[in-house]
Every structure is written in C-alpha cells, then in structure tokens.
PDB file of N, CA and C in Angstrom:
ATOM      1  N   MET A   1      61.732  77.988 -47.834  1.00  0.00           N
ATOM      2  CA  MET A   1      60.809  76.923 -47.478  1.00  0.00           C
ATOM      3  C   MET A   1      61.589  75.802 -46.783  1.00  0.00           C
ATOM      4  N   TRP A   2      60.905  75.009 -46.051  1.00  0.00           N
ATOM      5  CA  TRP A   2      61.525  73.942 -45.256  1.00  0.00           C
ATOM      6  C   TRP A   2      61.791  72.692 -46.085  1.00  0.00           C
ATOM      7  N   ASP A   3      62.524  71.759 -45.472  1.00  0.00           N
ATOM      8  CA  ASP A   3      62.782  70.489 -46.153  1.00  0.00           C
ATOM      9  C   ASP A   3      61.620  69.526 -45.904  1.00  0.00           C
ATOM     10  N   ALA A   4      61.564  68.457 -46.679  1.00  0.00           N
ATOM     11  CA  ALA A   4      60.454  67.498 -46.608  1.00  0.00           C
ATOM     12  C   ALA A   4      60.369  66.828 -45.242  1.00  0.00           C
ATOM     13  N   ARG A   5      61.492  66.590 -44.624  1.00  0.00           N
ATOM     14  CA  ARG A   5      61.503  65.923 -43.314  1.00  0.00           C
ATOM     15  C   ARG A   5      60.766  66.753 -42.276  1.00  0.00           C
ATOM     16  N   PHE A   6      60.930  68.081 -42.310  1.00  0.00           N
ATOM     17  CA  PHE A   6      60.259  68.969 -41.362  1.00  0.00           C
ATOM     18  C   PHE A   6      58.749  68.778 -41.424  1.00  0.00           C
ATOM     19  N   GLU A   7      58.204  68.780 -42.612  1.00  0.00           N
ATOM     20  CA  GLU A   7      56.756  68.611 -42.744  1.00  0.00           C
ATOM     21  C   GLU A   7      56.313  67.222 -42.303  1.00  0.00           C
ATOM     22  N   GLU A   8      57.098  66.209 -42.617  1.00  0.00           N
ATOM     23  CA  GLU A   8      56.772  64.845 -42.190  1.00  0.00           C
ATOM     24  C   GLU A   8      56.728  64.733 -40.666  1.00  0.00           C
ATOM     25  N   LEU A   9      57.606  65.457 -39.981  1.00  0.00           N
ATOM     26  CA  LEU A   9      57.643  65.433 -38.518  1.00  0.00           C
ATOM     27  C   LEU A   9      56.532  66.284 -37.913  1.00  0.00           C
ATOM     28  N   LEU A  10      56.151  67.345 -38.595  1.00  0.00           N
ATOM     29  CA  LEU A  10      55.145  68.265 -38.082  1.00  0.00           C
ATOM     30  C   LEU A  10      53.722  67.748 -38.262  1.00  0.00           C
ATOM     31  N   ARG A  11      53.420  67.180 -39.408  1.00  0.00           N
ATOM     32  CA  ARG A  11      52.046  66.772 -39.731  1.00  0.00           C
ATOM     33  C   ARG A  11      51.373  65.873 -38.678  1.00  0.00           C
ATOM     34  N   PRO A  12      52.040  64.903 -38.092  1.00  0.00           N
ATOM     35  CA  PRO A  12      51.353  64.062 -37.099  1.00  0.00           C
ATOM     36  C   PRO A  12      50.849  64.835 -35.876  1.00  0.00           C
ATOM     37  N   HIS A  13      51.352  66.038 -35.665  1.00  0.00           N
ATOM     38  CA  HIS A  13      50.936  66.856 -34.526  1.00  0.00           C
ATOM     39  C   HIS A  13      49.832  67.840 -34.895  1.00  0.00           C
ATOM     40  N   LEU A  14      49.318  67.715 -36.109  1.00  0.00           N
ATOM     41  CA  LEU A  14      48.274  68.618 -36.603  1.00  0.00           C
ATOM     42  C   LEU A  14      47.032  67.813 -36.986  1.00  0.00           C
ATOM     43  N   PRO A  15      46.249  67.395 -35.991  1.00  0.00           N
ATOM     44  CA  PRO A  15      45.119  66.510 -36.274  1.00  0.00           C
ATOM     45  C   PRO A  15      44.011  67.144 -37.123  1.00  0.00           C
ATOM     46  N   PHE A  16      43.955  68.460 -37.207  1.00  0.00           N
ATOM     47  CA  PHE A  16      42.900  69.112 -37.982  1.00  0.00           C
ATOM     48  C   PHE A  16      43.343  69.484 -39.395  1.00  0.00           C
ATOM     49  N   LEU A  17      44.534  69.048 -39.805  1.00  0.00           N
ATOM     50  CA  LEU A  17      45.023  69.300 -41.158  1.00  0.00           C
ATOM     51  C   LEU A  17      44.791  68.040 -41.990  1.00  0.00           C
ATOM     52  N   PRO A  18      43.876  68.124 -42.974  1.00  0.00           N
ATOM     53  CA  PRO A  18      43.639  66.953 -43.821  1.00  0.00           C
ATOM     54  C   PRO A  18      44.927  66.528 -44.542  1.00  0.00           C
ATOM     55  N   ALA A  19      45.097  65.235 -44.704  1.00  0.00           N
ATOM     56  CA  ALA A  19      46.313  64.686 -45.319  1.00  0.00           C
ATOM     57  C   ALA A  19      46.539  65.224 -46.721  1.00  0.00           C
ATOM     58  N   THR A  20      45.470  65.566 -47.415  1.00  0.00           N
ATOM     59  CA  THR A  20      45.591  66.040 -48.788  1.00  0.00           C
ATOM     60  C   THR A  20      45.769  67.556 -48.892  1.00  0.00           C
ATOM     61  N   GLU A  21      45.643  68.246 -47.777  1.00  0.00           N
ATOM     62  CA  GLU A  21      45.755  69.704 -47.790  1.00  0.00           C
ATOM     63  C   GLU A  21      47.211  70.132 -47.673  1.00  0.00           C
ATOM     64  N   LYS A  22      47.578  71.123 -48.476  1.00  0.00           N
ATOM     65  CA  LYS A  22      48.938  71.647 -48.447  1.00  0.00           C
ATOM     66  C   LYS A  22      49.175  72.403 -47.138  1.00  0.00           C
ATOM     67  N   LEU A  23      50.341  72.208 -46.547  1.00  0.00           N
ATOM     68  CA  LEU A  23      50.707  72.935 -45.340  1.00  0.00           C
ATOM     69  C   LEU A  23      51.368  74.244 -45.755  1.00  0.00           C
ATOM     70  N   LEU A  24      50.705  75.334 -45.456  1.00  0.00           N
ATOM     71  CA  LEU A  24      51.191  76.649 -45.842  1.00  0.00           C
ATOM     72  C   LEU A  24      52.112  77.234 -44.785  1.00  0.00           C
ATOM     73  N   GLU A  25      53.012  78.086 -45.220  1.00  0.00           N
ATOM     74  CA  GLU A  25      54.002  78.697 -44.329  1.00  0.00           C
ATOM     75  C   GLU A  25      53.353  79.491 -43.199  1.00  0.00           C
ATOM     76  N   ASN A  26      52.210  80.116 -43.476  1.00  0.00           N
ATOM     77  CA  ASN A  26      51.555  80.952 -42.471  1.00  0.00           C
ATOM     78  C   ASN A  26      50.344  80.272 -41.826  1.00  0.00           C
ATOM     79  N   ALA A  27      50.253  78.945 -41.942  1.00  0.00           N
ATOM     80  CA  ALA A  27      49.145  78.206 -41.327  1.00  0.00           C
ATOM     81  C   ALA A  27      49.173  78.381 -39.810  1.00  0.00           C
ATOM     82  N   ASP A  28      48.000  78.457 -39.216  1.00  0.00           N
ATOM     83  CA  ASP A  28      47.855  78.618 -37.773  1.00  0.00           C
ATOM     84  C   ASP A  28      47.992  77.246 -37.103  1.00  0.00           C
ATOM     85  N   LEU A  29      49.164  76.966 -36.547  1.00  0.00           N
ATOM     86  CA  LEU A  29      49.410  75.645 -35.954  1.00  0.00           C
ATOM     87  C   LEU A  29      48.450  75.319 -34.810  1.00  0.00           C
ATOM     88  N   PRO A  30      48.209  76.245 -33.862  1.00  0.00           N
ATOM     89  CA  PRO A  30      47.217  75.923 -32.832  1.00  0.00           C
ATOM     90  C   PRO A  30      45.828  75.643 -33.429  1.00  0.00           C
ATOM     91  N   GLY A  31      45.462  76.370 -34.466  1.00  0.00           N
ATOM     92  CA  GLY A  31      44.183  76.140 -35.128  1.00  0.00           C
ATOM     93  C   GLY A  31      44.105  74.796 -35.825  1.00  0.00           C
ATOM     94  N   LEU A  32      45.259  74.252 -36.162  1.00  0.00           N
ATOM     95  CA  LEU A  32      45.319  72.929 -36.792  1.00  0.00           C
ATOM     96  C   LEU A  32      45.476  71.815 -35.757  1.00  0.00           C
ATOM     97  N   GLY A  33      45.412  72.190 -34.472  1.00  0.00           N
ATOM     98  CA  GLY A  33      45.404  71.183 -33.411  1.00  0.00           C
ATOM     99  C   GLY A  33      46.682  71.024 -32.624  1.00  0.00           C
ATOM    100  N   LEU A  34      47.692  71.859 -32.879  1.00  0.00           N
ATOM    101  CA  LEU A  34      48.932  71.757 -32.099  1.00  0.00           C
ATOM    102  C   LEU A  34      48.698  72.374 -30.724  1.00  0.00           C
ATOM    103  N   ASP A  35      48.599  71.516 -29.718  1.00  0.00           N
ATOM    104  CA  ASP A  35      48.367  71.986 -28.356  1.00  0.00           C
ATOM    105  C   ASP A  35      49.665  71.915 -27.550  1.00  0.00           C
ATOM    106  N   SER A  36      49.590  72.229 -26.262  1.00  0.00           N
ATOM    107  CA  SER A  36      50.807  72.296 -25.443  1.00  0.00           C
ATOM    108  C   SER A  36      51.516  70.946 -25.348  1.00  0.00           C
ATOM    109  N   LEU A  37      50.792  69.871 -25.230  1.00  0.00           N
ATOM    110  CA  LEU A  37      51.422  68.542 -25.199  1.00  0.00           C
ATOM    111  C   LEU A  37      52.061  68.240 -26.554  1.00  0.00           C
ATOM    112  N   GLY A  38      51.370  68.593 -27.612  1.00  0.00           N
ATOM    113  CA  GLY A  38      51.911  68.400 -28.952  1.00  0.00           C
ATOM    114  C   GLY A  38      53.190  69.183 -29.171  1.00  0.00           C
ATOM    115  N   ILE A  39      53.246  70.389 -28.614  1.00  0.00           N
ATOM    116  CA  ILE A  39      54.453  71.208 -28.732  1.00  0.00           C
ATOM    117  C   ILE A  39      55.631  70.508 -28.061  1.00  0.00           C
ATOM    118  N   VAL A  40      55.411  69.981 -26.872  1.00  0.00           N
ATOM    119  CA  VAL A  40      56.485  69.294 -26.149  1.00  0.00           C
ATOM    120  C   VAL A  40      56.959  68.071 -26.944  1.00  0.00           C
ATOM    121  N   GLU A  41      56.018  67.300 -27.458  1.00  0.00           N
ATOM    122  CA  GLU A  41      56.372  66.118 -28.238  1.00  0.00           C
ATOM    123  C   GLU A  41      57.089  66.507 -29.530  1.00  0.00           C
ATOM    124  N   LEU A  42      56.580  67.539 -30.209  1.00  0.00           N
ATOM    125  CA  LEU A  42      57.188  68.003 -31.448  1.00  0.00           C
ATOM    126  C   LEU A  42      58.589  68.531 -31.198  1.00  0.00           C
ATOM    127  N   LEU A  43      58.754  69.260 -30.124  1.00  0.00           N
ATOM    128  CA  LEU A  43      60.062  69.806 -29.764  1.00  0.00           C
ATOM    129  C   LEU A  43      61.086  68.685 -29.617  1.00  0.00           C
ATOM    130  N   ALA A  44      60.740  67.646 -28.886  1.00  0.00           N
ATOM    131  CA  ALA A  44      61.646  66.510 -28.699  1.00  0.00           C
ATOM    132  C   ALA A  44      61.936  65.819 -30.030  1.00  0.00           C
ATOM    133  N   THR A  45      60.920  65.673 -30.859  1.00  0.00           N
ATOM    134  CA  THR A  45      61.079  65.042 -32.165  1.00  0.00           C
ATOM    135  C   THR A  45      62.025  65.837 -33.057  1.00  0.00           C
ATOM    136  N   LEU A  46      61.827  67.153 -33.100  1.00  0.00           N
ATOM    137  CA  LEU A  46      62.672  68.009 -33.931  1.00  0.00           C
ATOM    138  C   LEU A  46      64.113  68.027 -33.437  1.00  0.00           C
ATOM    139  N   GLU A  47      64.284  68.099 -32.122  1.00  0.00           N
ATOM    140  CA  GLU A  47      65.642  68.108 -31.574  1.00  0.00           C
ATOM    141  C   GLU A  47      66.384  66.824 -31.928  1.00  0.00           C
ATOM    142  N   GLU A  48      65.695  65.709 -31.807  1.00  0.00           N
ATOM    143  CA  GLU A  48      66.329  64.428 -32.119  1.00  0.00           C
ATOM    144  C   GLU A  48      66.604  64.300 -33.619  1.00  0.00           C
ATOM    145  N   ALA A  49      65.641  64.648 -34.437  1.00  0.00           N
ATOM    146  CA  ALA A  49      65.775  64.483 -35.887  1.00  0.00           C
ATOM    147  C   ALA A  49      66.859  65.369 -36.483  1.00  0.00           C
ATOM    148  N   TYR A  50      66.987  66.582 -35.963  1.00  0.00           N
ATOM    149  CA  TYR A  50      67.943  67.534 -36.524  1.00  0.00           C
ATOM    150  C   TYR A  50      69.225  67.661 -35.699  1.00  0.00           C
ATOM    151  N   GLY A  51      69.304  66.960 -34.581  1.00  0.00           N
ATOM    152  CA  GLY A  51      70.507  66.998 -33.757  1.00  0.00           C
ATOM    153  C   GLY A  51      70.786  68.373 -33.181  1.00  0.00           C
ATOM    154  N   VAL A  52      69.723  69.064 -32.749  1.00  0.00           N
ATOM    155  CA  VAL A  52      69.852  70.415 -32.198  1.00  0.00           C
ATOM    156  C   VAL A  52      69.183  70.480 -30.833  1.00  0.00           C
ATOM    157  N   ARG A  53      69.374  71.590 -30.151  1.00  0.00           N
ATOM    158  CA  ARG A  53      68.694  71.869 -28.883  1.00  0.00           C
ATOM    159  C   ARG A  53      68.123  73.272 -28.961  1.00  0.00           C
ATOM    160  N   PHE A  54      66.835  73.397 -28.722  1.00  0.00           N
ATOM    161  CA  PHE A  54      66.200  74.711 -28.667  1.00  0.00           C
ATOM    162  C   PHE A  54      66.627  75.391 -27.375  1.00  0.00           C
ATOM    163  N   LYS A  55      67.068  76.621 -27.455  1.00  0.00           N
ATOM    164  CA  LYS A  55      67.413  77.388 -26.259  1.00  0.00           C
ATOM    165  C   LYS A  55      66.124  77.909 -25.632  1.00  0.00           C
ATOM    166  N   ASP A  56      66.194  78.220 -24.351  1.00  0.00           N
ATOM    167  CA  ASP A  56      65.015  78.677 -23.628  1.00  0.00           C
ATOM    168  C   ASP A  56      64.344  79.873 -24.284  1.00  0.00           C
ATOM    169  N   ASP A  57      65.131  80.797 -24.831  1.00  0.00           N
ATOM    170  CA  ASP A  57      64.526  81.990 -25.431  1.00  0.00           C
ATOM    171  C   ASP A  57      63.777  81.683 -26.726  1.00  0.00           C
ATOM    172  N   ALA A  58      63.956  80.488 -27.287  1.00  0.00           N
ATOM    173  CA  ALA A  58      63.219  80.078 -28.484  1.00  0.00           C
ATOM    174  C   ALA A  58      61.917  79.370 -28.131  1.00  0.00           C
ATOM    175  N   LEU A  59      61.738  79.044 -26.870  1.00  0.00           N
ATOM    176  CA  LEU A  59      60.550  78.310 -26.437  1.00  0.00           C
ATOM    177  C   LEU A  59      59.432  79.279 -26.086  1.00  0.00           C
ATOM    178  N   THR A  60      58.919  79.929 -27.106  1.00  0.00           N
ATOM    179  CA  THR A  60      57.844  80.905 -26.917  1.00  0.00           C
ATOM    180  C   THR A  60      56.623  80.481 -27.716  1.00  0.00           C
ATOM    181  N   LYS A  61      55.510  81.061 -27.373  1.00  0.00           N
ATOM    182  CA  LYS A  61      54.270  80.818 -28.104  1.00  0.00           C
ATOM    183  C   LYS A  61      54.439  81.195 -29.573  1.00  0.00           C
ATOM    184  N   GLU A  62      55.139  82.276 -29.830  1.00  0.00           N
ATOM    185  CA  GLU A  62      55.329  82.765 -31.193  1.00  0.00           C
ATOM    186  C   GLU A  62      56.099  81.766 -32.069  1.00  0.00           C
ATOM    187  N   THR A  63      57.045  81.068 -31.490  1.00  0.00           N
ATOM    188  CA  THR A  63      57.831  80.086 -32.249  1.00  0.00           C
ATOM    189  C   THR A  63      56.937  79.015 -32.848  1.00  0.00           C
ATOM    190  N   PHE A  64      55.880  78.648 -32.146  1.00  0.00           N
ATOM    191  CA  PHE A  64      55.010  77.549 -32.558  1.00  0.00           C
ATOM    192  C   PHE A  64      53.677  78.025 -33.136  1.00  0.00           C
ATOM    193  N   GLU A  65      53.622  79.264 -33.625  1.00  0.00           N
ATOM    194  CA  GLU A  65      52.382  79.786 -34.204  1.00  0.00           C
ATOM    195  C   GLU A  65      52.171  79.352 -35.643  1.00  0.00           C
ATOM    196  N   THR A  66      53.251  79.309 -36.436  1.00  0.00           N
ATOM    197  CA  THR A  66      53.139  78.922 -37.841  1.00  0.00           C
ATOM    198  C   THR A  66      54.313  78.022 -38.220  1.00  0.00           C
ATOM    199  N   PRO A  67      54.153  77.228 -39.268  1.00  0.00           N
ATOM    200  CA  PRO A  67      55.290  76.437 -39.731  1.00  0.00           C
ATOM    201  C   PRO A  67      56.467  77.322 -40.139  1.00  0.00           C
ATOM    202  N   GLY A  68      56.180  78.467 -40.713  1.00  0.00           N
ATOM    203  CA  GLY A  68      57.242  79.371 -41.147  1.00  0.00           C
ATOM    204  C   GLY A  68      58.093  79.873 -40.000  1.00  0.00           C
ATOM    205  N   THR A  69      57.441  80.292 -38.910  1.00  0.00           N
ATOM    206  CA  THR A  69      58.219  80.783 -37.771  1.00  0.00           C
ATOM    207  C   THR A  69      58.982  79.645 -37.105  1.00  0.00           C
ATOM    208  N   LEU A  70      58.360  78.490 -37.010  1.00  0.00           N
ATOM    209  CA  LEU A  70      59.040  77.343 -36.398  1.00  0.00           C
ATOM    210  C   LEU A  70      60.258  76.940 -37.230  1.00  0.00           C
ATOM    211  N   TRP A  71      60.114  76.891 -38.549  1.00  0.00           N
ATOM    212  CA  TRP A  71      61.238  76.538 -39.408  1.00  0.00           C
ATOM    213  C   TRP A  71      62.351  77.578 -39.306  1.00  0.00           C
ATOM    214  N   THR A  72      61.992  78.854 -39.246  1.00  0.00           N
ATOM    215  CA  THR A  72      62.996  79.913 -39.129  1.00  0.00           C
ATOM    216  C   THR A  72      63.826  79.737 -37.869  1.00  0.00           C
ATOM    217  N   VAL A  73      63.158  79.461 -36.757  1.00  0.00           N
ATOM    218  CA  VAL A  73      63.870  79.246 -35.494  1.00  0.00           C
ATOM    219  C   VAL A  73      64.713  77.981 -35.584  1.00  0.00           C
ATOM    220  N   LEU A  74      64.123  76.898 -36.051  1.00  0.00           N
ATOM    221  CA  LEU A  74      64.831  75.623 -36.150  1.00  0.00           C
ATOM    222  C   LEU A  74      66.057  75.737 -37.056  1.00  0.00           C
ATOM    223  N   SER A  75      65.904  76.356 -38.191  1.00  0.00           N
ATOM    224  CA  SER A  75      67.020  76.431 -39.140  1.00  0.00           C
ATOM    225  C   SER A  75      68.116  77.386 -38.668  1.00  0.00           C
ATOM    226  N   GLY A  76      67.821  78.222 -37.669  1.00  0.00           N
ATOM    227  CA  GLY A  76      68.818  79.131 -37.146  1.00  0.00           C
ATOM    228  C   GLY A  76      69.588  78.581 -35.955  1.00  0.00           C
ATOM    229  N   ILE A  77      69.245  77.365 -35.529  1.00  0.00           N
ATOM    230  CA  ILE A  77      69.902  76.756 -34.370  1.00  0.00           C
ATOM    231  C   ILE A  77      71.150  76.021 -34.832  1.00  0.00           C
ATOM    232  N   SER A  78      72.235  76.219 -34.118  1.00  0.00           N
ATOM    233  CA  SER A  78      73.471  75.496 -34.421  1.00  0.00           C
ATOM    234  C   SER A  78      73.325  74.044 -34.032  1.00  0.00           C
ATOM    235  N   VAL A  79      73.934  73.177 -34.782  1.00  0.00           N
ATOM    236  CA  VAL A  79      73.893  71.750 -34.480  1.00  0.00           C
ATOM    237  C   VAL A  79      74.571  71.507 -33.152  1.00  0.00           C
ATOM    238  N   ALA A  80      73.902  70.728 -32.292  1.00  0.00           N
ATOM    239  CA  ALA A  80      74.427  70.456 -30.944  1.00  0.00           C
ATOM    240  C   ALA A  80      75.592  69.495 -30.992  1.00  0.00           C
TER     241      ALA A  80
END
C-alpha cells in the first residue's frame, strides 16, 4: 500500500471521490474524475513531491488507471 502523502496528493485530482470515501487500490481513477489535464498536473505534483522523474515509457494510460498501478510505477522510479 502507498504512503499517506501519495493519497493526499492524489485526492485533489479526483473530484468524484467523496472526502469520506476510502480510496481503494483498484479504484477507477478516470471514473473518479482524473482527466488528461489532471494527469499532467498530478504528474508534476508527484515528481516534485517525491523528487523523481517519470520516464516516457511510464507515461501510459495504464499507469493512471488505478491508484495501485500509479503507486507501483511511482515507487519503482529511482530518485532523480
């Protein structure tokens, strides 16, 4: 599971996720409101917060489908 900071950074980009609802590992991020602009903003936020850079091959639709897949990719990136 991810750290608390990850969820704090992700939640503002999910306008359809109620504040009281638990964010599940397999939640559908696009279904929760993460759109293409949100992905770009989230990407910049995550890179800055974690001091990493996503490589081009990680910038796929699949990476941003669920919190679980996004965390897996993020946690596998070497610190820049």
